[in-house]
Amino acid sequence: MNVSDVQDIVSAAIGGENIAETVEGLQRFPINVRYPRELRDSLEKLRALPIVTERGAQIQLGAITRLSIVDGPPMLKSENARLSGWVYVDIRGRDLQSVVHDAQRAVTDKVKLPPGYSVSWSGQFEFLERAQKRLKAVVPFTLVIIFVLLYLTFHRVSEALLIMLSVPFALIGGFWLMWLLGYNISVASAVGFIALAGVAAEFGVIMLLYLKQAIAKRLDAEGQLSRQQLEAALMEGAVLRVRPKAMTVAVILAGLLPIMWSGGTGAEVMQRIAAPMVGGMVTAPLLSMLVIPAAYLLMRRQTRVSRERLDGAPSQPVVVS
């Protein structure tokens, strides 16, 4: 007997087969024939199912098959024309990437796959990897563009580097608040840190412009400036930025704090975007008001600059004595 013949008999006797239709008014109902339930639920009675071969011989189903009850998948799934089985994992109290990396190491060390089998990690982890790969290309390119724009604004590599190097330290407050709230680093928090880096760079640019304007006001007729005058100018420029910075921080916090206290659908994602900004609004203003003036003093104490780079006036040497 062919395997297909046995399968046809089993599917008709156990699964059922439509042999006709009954018409009742405007309704049509199929007529299905199969073994009664008490026979279909018994392995012994199924093994005794009689089968007639083409030559007229009568044999039992149990003589040519092996019948057993096993647990199977609720449905068959395929991926890339291959049968696939899915294992769903819910994560609590840990970040997604570290959990998947631990699981990958455990599977690699302890699971031996037969030939023709493969394992892939999908779901949110796949989206995370895709976002990280994209950020690795976008973030450096964006930093290069920001550095070029800063250089075109200040015309000095040292001043552009001062702003660029101050940005990572301004992000410390965001990491602190993420740690206090128990949040893990994710794509949403990465978006928040990118926004915080932009605000921190803006703080540094405005502070540096105020410092340069304060220095330009104190230059004498020969374009010279003593160290005491330089320190006084830097102090004046930094103090002028306190009120605008406080207003900027207050406006940003007023817009983000309601998000931190919100609930409902999407609140978890929005909170992880807003948390870096809220924490960074503590360290970014402090760094721009305290560290940048001090670093600028160290840079200008032994250097020579021109007046036009400070306020656009004709170029004259400025000597810090």
Protein backbone atom coordinates (compact mmCIF):
# COMPACT_ATOMS: atom_id res chain seq x y z
CA MET A 1 0.00 0.00 0.00
CA ASN A 2 1.10 3.52 -0.70
CA VAL A 3 1.48 5.99 2.14
CA SER A 4 -0.99 8.32 0.44
CA ASP A 5 -3.65 5.56 0.43
CA VAL A 6 -3.25 5.06 4.18
CA GLN A 7 -3.39 8.79 4.77
CA ASP A 8 -6.61 9.09 2.76
CA ILE A 9 -8.22 6.35 4.85
CA VAL A 10 -7.09 7.88 8.12
CA SER A 11 -8.20 11.40 7.14
CA ALA A 12 -11.63 10.14 6.02
CA ALA A 13 -12.28 7.82 8.96
CA ILE A 14 -10.81 9.96 11.73
CA GLY A 15 -10.80 13.50 10.37
CA GLY A 16 -13.99 13.15 8.34
CA GLU A 17 -14.90 13.63 4.69
CA ASN A 18 -17.66 15.66 3.06
CA ILE A 19 -19.67 13.38 0.80
CA ALA A 20 -22.69 15.55 -0.08
CA GLU A 21 -24.73 18.60 0.88
CA THR A 22 -28.19 18.99 2.35
CA VAL A 23 -30.41 21.90 1.36
CA GLU A 24 -32.85 23.36 3.86
CA GLY A 25 -34.56 26.36 2.36
CA LEU A 26 -31.87 28.85 1.48
CA GLN A 27 -29.25 27.16 3.67
CA ARG A 28 -26.79 24.49 2.62
CA PHE A 29 -25.07 22.15 5.08
CA PRO A 30 -22.25 19.69 4.27
CA ILE A 31 -22.74 16.01 5.10
CA ASN A 32 -19.58 14.76 6.83
CA VAL A 33 -18.90 11.08 7.50
CA ARG A 34 -16.33 9.78 10.03
CA TYR A 35 -15.96 7.41 12.95
CA PRO A 36 -17.99 8.12 16.09
CA ARG A 37 -16.16 9.96 18.86
CA GLU A 38 -15.97 6.91 21.14
CA LEU A 39 -14.00 5.11 18.42
CA ARG A 40 -11.84 8.06 17.45
CA ASP A 41 -10.78 8.69 21.07
CA SER A 42 -9.56 5.10 21.62
CA LEU A 43 -6.13 4.04 20.33
CA GLU A 44 -7.05 0.33 20.56
CA LYS A 45 -10.14 0.77 18.40
CA LEU A 46 -8.21 2.90 15.92
CA ARG A 47 -5.55 0.20 15.63
CA ALA A 48 -8.35 -2.25 14.81
CA LEU A 49 -9.63 -0.08 11.97
CA PRO A 50 -10.09 -2.44 8.98
CA ILE A 51 -8.40 -1.53 5.69
CA VAL A 52 -9.12 -3.28 2.40
CA THR A 53 -6.21 -3.41 -0.04
CA GLU A 54 -6.49 -3.32 -3.83
CA ARG A 55 -6.20 -7.14 -3.95
CA GLY A 56 -9.12 -7.53 -1.56
CA ALA A 57 -7.08 -8.41 1.52
CA GLN A 58 -8.35 -7.00 4.80
CA ILE A 59 -5.80 -5.81 7.35
CA GLN A 60 -5.89 -3.63 10.43
CA LEU A 61 -4.52 -0.12 10.64
CA GLY A 62 -2.30 -1.08 13.57
CA ALA A 63 -0.51 -3.66 11.37
CA ILE A 64 0.96 -1.02 9.04
CA THR A 65 1.16 2.07 11.29
CA ARG A 66 2.27 3.04 14.75
CA LEU A 67 -0.40 5.05 16.60
CA SER A 68 0.37 7.22 19.63
CA ILE A 69 -0.82 10.44 21.25
CA VAL A 70 1.78 13.22 21.50
CA ASP A 71 1.62 16.96 22.14
CA GLY A 72 2.11 19.00 19.00
CA PRO A 73 2.09 22.68 18.06
CA PRO A 74 -1.32 24.37 17.94
CA MET A 75 -0.50 25.46 14.39
CA LEU A 76 2.28 25.06 11.88
CA LYS A 77 4.39 28.12 11.15
CA SER A 78 6.96 28.64 8.46
CA GLU A 79 9.70 31.18 7.90
CA ASN A 80 11.60 31.39 4.61
CA ALA A 81 9.89 28.21 3.43
CA ARG A 82 11.10 26.31 6.53
CA LEU A 83 9.10 25.07 9.49
CA SER A 84 9.69 27.22 12.55
CA GLY A 85 8.96 27.05 16.25
CA TRP A 86 8.77 30.13 18.47
CA VAL A 87 9.85 30.58 22.10
CA TYR A 88 8.52 33.76 23.70
CA VAL A 89 10.47 35.36 26.56
CA ASP A 90 9.20 38.13 28.85
CA ILE A 91 11.83 40.22 30.63
CA ARG A 92 11.42 41.80 34.04
CA GLY A 93 13.99 43.86 35.92
CA ARG A 94 16.79 43.68 33.30
CA ASP A 95 17.64 45.31 30.03
CA LEU A 96 16.80 43.48 26.82
CA GLN A 97 20.28 43.35 25.31
CA SER A 98 22.06 41.74 28.28
CA VAL A 99 19.32 39.11 28.64
CA VAL A 100 19.55 38.12 24.98
CA HIS A 101 23.36 37.99 25.12
CA ASP A 102 23.22 35.69 28.17
CA ALA A 103 20.65 33.50 26.41
CA GLN A 104 22.77 33.36 23.26
CA ARG A 105 25.81 32.21 25.24
CA ALA A 106 23.73 29.57 27.05
CA VAL A 107 22.26 28.23 23.80
CA THR A 108 25.68 28.15 22.14
CA ASP A 109 27.28 26.27 25.06
CA LYS A 110 24.50 23.84 25.97
CA VAL A 111 22.31 23.26 22.89
CA LYS A 112 23.58 21.07 20.05
CA LEU A 113 21.46 21.65 16.97
CA PRO A 114 20.91 18.75 14.53
CA PRO A 115 21.81 19.28 10.88
CA GLY A 116 19.29 21.49 9.11
CA TYR A 117 18.30 23.40 12.28
CA SER A 118 19.08 27.04 13.03
CA VAL A 119 18.32 29.59 15.74
CA SER A 120 17.54 33.27 15.22
CA TRP A 121 16.71 35.99 17.76
CA SER A 122 13.87 38.26 16.73
CA GLY A 123 11.28 40.55 18.26
CA GLN A 124 12.25 43.76 20.05
CA PHE A 125 15.89 42.63 20.17
CA GLU A 126 15.99 42.63 16.38
CA PHE A 127 14.63 46.19 16.32
CA LEU A 128 17.21 47.18 18.96
CA GLU A 129 20.10 45.80 16.90
CA ARG A 130 18.80 47.56 13.81
CA ALA A 131 18.55 50.87 15.67
CA GLN A 132 22.04 50.48 17.17
CA LYS A 133 23.54 49.78 13.76
CA ARG A 134 21.88 52.88 12.38
CA LEU A 135 22.97 55.02 15.33
CA LYS A 136 26.59 53.88 14.92
CA ALA A 137 26.57 55.43 11.48
CA VAL A 138 24.40 58.48 12.15
CA VAL A 139 25.86 59.71 15.47
CA PRO A 140 29.52 60.08 14.33
CA PHE A 141 28.40 61.76 11.12
CA THR A 142 26.22 64.17 13.12
CA LEU A 143 29.09 64.97 15.51
CA VAL A 144 31.34 65.80 12.58
CA ILE A 145 28.71 68.17 11.18
CA ILE A 146 28.30 69.85 14.59
CA PHE A 147 32.07 70.28 14.89
CA VAL A 148 32.26 71.87 11.43
CA LEU A 149 29.43 74.26 12.27
CA LEU A 150 31.12 75.22 15.56
CA TYR A 151 34.37 75.85 13.76
CA LEU A 152 32.63 78.06 11.20
CA THR A 153 31.05 79.98 14.09
CA PHE A 154 34.15 80.53 16.29
CA HIS A 155 36.93 80.11 13.67
CA ARG A 156 39.06 78.28 16.22
CA VAL A 157 39.54 74.54 16.62
CA SER A 158 40.19 74.88 20.36
CA GLU A 159 36.87 76.62 21.01
CA ALA A 160 34.96 74.10 18.89
CA LEU A 161 36.65 71.26 20.79
CA LEU A 162 35.79 72.93 24.10
CA ILE A 163 32.09 72.77 23.25
CA MET A 164 32.32 69.22 21.88
CA LEU A 165 34.24 67.89 24.89
CA SER A 166 31.85 69.49 27.37
CA VAL A 167 28.80 67.70 25.93
CA PRO A 168 29.54 64.18 27.33
CA PHE A 169 30.00 65.58 30.86
CA ALA A 170 26.68 67.40 30.57
CA LEU A 171 24.97 64.03 30.09
CA ILE A 172 25.95 62.76 33.56
CA GLY A 173 22.73 64.03 35.14
CA GLY A 174 20.68 62.03 32.65
CA PHE A 175 22.53 58.81 33.56
CA TRP A 176 22.09 59.53 37.28
CA LEU A 177 18.34 59.99 36.96
CA MET A 178 18.06 56.85 34.78
CA TRP A 179 19.88 54.91 37.51
CA LEU A 180 17.73 56.34 40.31
CA LEU A 181 14.51 55.48 38.46
CA GLY A 182 15.74 51.98 37.59
CA TYR A 183 15.48 52.52 33.84
CA ASN A 184 17.63 50.53 31.43
CA ILE A 185 19.32 51.97 28.37
CA SER A 186 17.05 51.54 25.36
CA VAL A 187 16.35 53.14 22.01
CA ALA A 188 13.89 55.52 23.68
CA SER A 189 16.47 56.66 26.25
CA ALA A 190 19.05 57.04 23.46
CA VAL A 191 16.69 59.49 21.75
CA GLY A 192 16.44 61.43 25.01
CA PHE A 193 20.23 61.59 25.35
CA ILE A 194 20.57 62.84 21.76
CA ALA A 195 18.12 65.65 22.51
CA LEU A 196 19.98 66.42 25.76
CA ALA A 197 23.30 66.59 23.88
CA GLY A 198 21.82 69.17 21.52
CA VAL A 199 20.62 71.34 24.42
CA ALA A 200 23.99 71.00 26.19
CA ALA A 201 25.83 72.09 23.03
CA GLU A 202 23.48 75.06 22.77
CA PHE A 203 24.25 76.02 26.37
CA GLY A 204 27.97 75.90 25.65
CA VAL A 205 27.71 77.96 22.47
CA ILE A 206 25.66 80.72 24.13
CA MET A 207 27.98 80.80 27.14
CA LEU A 208 31.06 81.09 24.94
CA LEU A 209 29.48 83.92 22.95
CA TYR A 210 28.71 85.82 26.16
CA LEU A 211 32.28 85.32 27.37
CA LYS A 212 33.74 86.60 24.11
CA GLN A 213 31.48 89.66 24.17
CA ALA A 214 32.49 90.43 27.77
CA ILE A 215 36.18 90.17 26.83
CA ALA A 216 35.71 92.44 23.81
CA LYS A 217 34.18 95.16 26.02
CA ARG A 218 37.25 95.26 28.31
CA LEU A 219 39.93 95.52 25.63
CA ASP A 220 41.99 98.69 25.76
CA ALA A 221 42.94 100.83 22.80
CA GLU A 222 45.90 98.58 21.98
CA GLY A 223 43.81 95.45 22.19
CA GLN A 224 45.56 94.22 25.36
CA LEU A 225 44.01 92.61 28.40
CA SER A 226 45.55 91.80 31.76
CA ARG A 227 44.85 88.58 33.59
CA GLN A 228 42.76 90.37 36.22
CA GLN A 229 40.70 92.01 33.48
CA LEU A 230 40.28 88.66 31.73
CA GLU A 231 39.03 87.02 34.91
CA ALA A 232 36.65 89.92 35.55
CA ALA A 233 35.35 89.70 31.97
CA LEU A 234 34.78 85.98 32.25
CA MET A 235 33.00 86.47 35.57
CA GLU A 236 30.78 89.15 34.04
CA GLY A 237 29.94 87.00 30.98
CA ALA A 238 29.13 83.96 33.11
CA VAL A 239 26.91 85.94 35.49
CA LEU A 240 24.96 87.41 32.59
CA ARG A 241 23.98 83.88 31.54
CA VAL A 242 22.53 82.82 34.91
CA ARG A 243 19.05 84.28 34.42
CA PRO A 244 18.59 83.15 30.77
CA LYS A 245 19.82 79.68 31.68
CA ALA A 246 17.46 79.47 34.64
CA MET A 247 14.55 80.48 32.41
CA THR A 248 15.54 77.92 29.77
CA VAL A 249 15.82 75.13 32.35
CA ALA A 250 12.48 76.10 33.93
CA VAL A 251 10.69 76.01 30.58
CA ILE A 252 12.17 72.62 29.66
CA LEU A 253 11.33 71.11 33.05
CA ALA A 254 7.80 72.53 32.91
CA GLY A 255 7.26 70.71 29.64
CA LEU A 256 8.86 67.39 30.67
CA LEU A 257 7.74 66.88 34.28
CA PRO A 258 4.09 66.18 33.28
CA ILE A 259 5.42 63.40 31.04
CA MET A 260 7.34 61.88 33.97
CA TRP A 261 4.14 61.82 36.07
CA SER A 262 1.85 60.60 33.30
CA GLY A 263 0.36 57.13 33.02
CA GLY A 264 -1.49 55.04 30.49
CA THR A 265 -0.64 53.74 27.06
CA GLY A 266 2.76 54.90 25.81
CA ALA A 267 3.75 56.49 29.12
CA GLU A 268 6.64 54.09 29.71
CA VAL A 269 8.27 54.98 26.39
CA MET A 270 7.75 58.72 26.86
CA GLN A 271 9.16 58.60 30.40
CA ARG A 272 12.36 56.99 29.15
CA ILE A 273 12.70 59.69 26.51
CA ALA A 274 12.09 62.50 29.01
CA ALA A 275 14.21 61.12 31.90
CA PRO A 276 17.62 61.96 30.33
CA MET A 277 16.46 65.49 29.59
CA VAL A 278 15.14 66.03 33.13
CA GLY A 279 18.34 64.74 34.74
CA GLY A 280 20.55 66.60 32.31
CA MET A 281 18.89 69.91 33.13
CA VAL A 282 20.79 69.79 36.44
CA THR A 283 24.32 69.05 35.21
CA ALA A 284 24.27 70.76 31.79
CA PRO A 285 23.59 74.31 33.10
CA LEU A 286 26.06 73.86 35.98
CA LEU A 287 28.77 72.69 33.60
CA SER A 288 28.21 75.56 31.18
CA MET A 289 28.22 78.18 33.96
CA LEU A 290 31.13 76.82 36.03
CA VAL A 291 33.38 74.58 33.93
CA ILE A 292 33.32 76.31 30.53
CA PRO A 293 34.41 79.74 31.88
CA ALA A 294 37.23 78.10 33.84
CA ALA A 295 38.34 76.06 30.84
CA TYR A 296 38.16 79.15 28.63
CA LEU A 297 40.35 81.03 31.13
CA LEU A 298 42.99 78.31 30.90
CA MET A 299 42.83 78.41 27.11
CA ARG A 300 43.13 82.20 26.82
CA ARG A 301 45.73 82.79 29.55
CA GLN A 302 48.68 82.01 27.30
CA THR A 303 47.21 82.58 23.82
CA ARG A 304 46.89 85.45 21.35
CA VAL A 305 43.54 86.15 19.65
CA SER A 306 42.22 88.88 17.34
CA ARG A 307 39.55 91.44 18.08
CA GLU A 308 37.44 90.49 15.04
CA ARG A 309 37.12 86.96 16.37
CA LEU A 310 35.58 88.40 19.49
CA ASP A 311 33.11 90.96 18.17
CA GLY A 312 33.68 91.35 14.41
CA ALA A 313 35.85 94.49 14.68
CA PRO A 314 39.03 94.94 12.58
CA SER A 315 41.75 92.50 13.48
CA GLN A 316 44.08 93.68 16.29
CA PRO A 317 46.23 91.53 18.56
CA VAL A 318 44.92 90.84 22.03
CA VAL A 319 47.72 90.01 24.45
CA VAL A 320 46.88 88.46 27.78
CA SER A 321 49.64 89.49 30.18
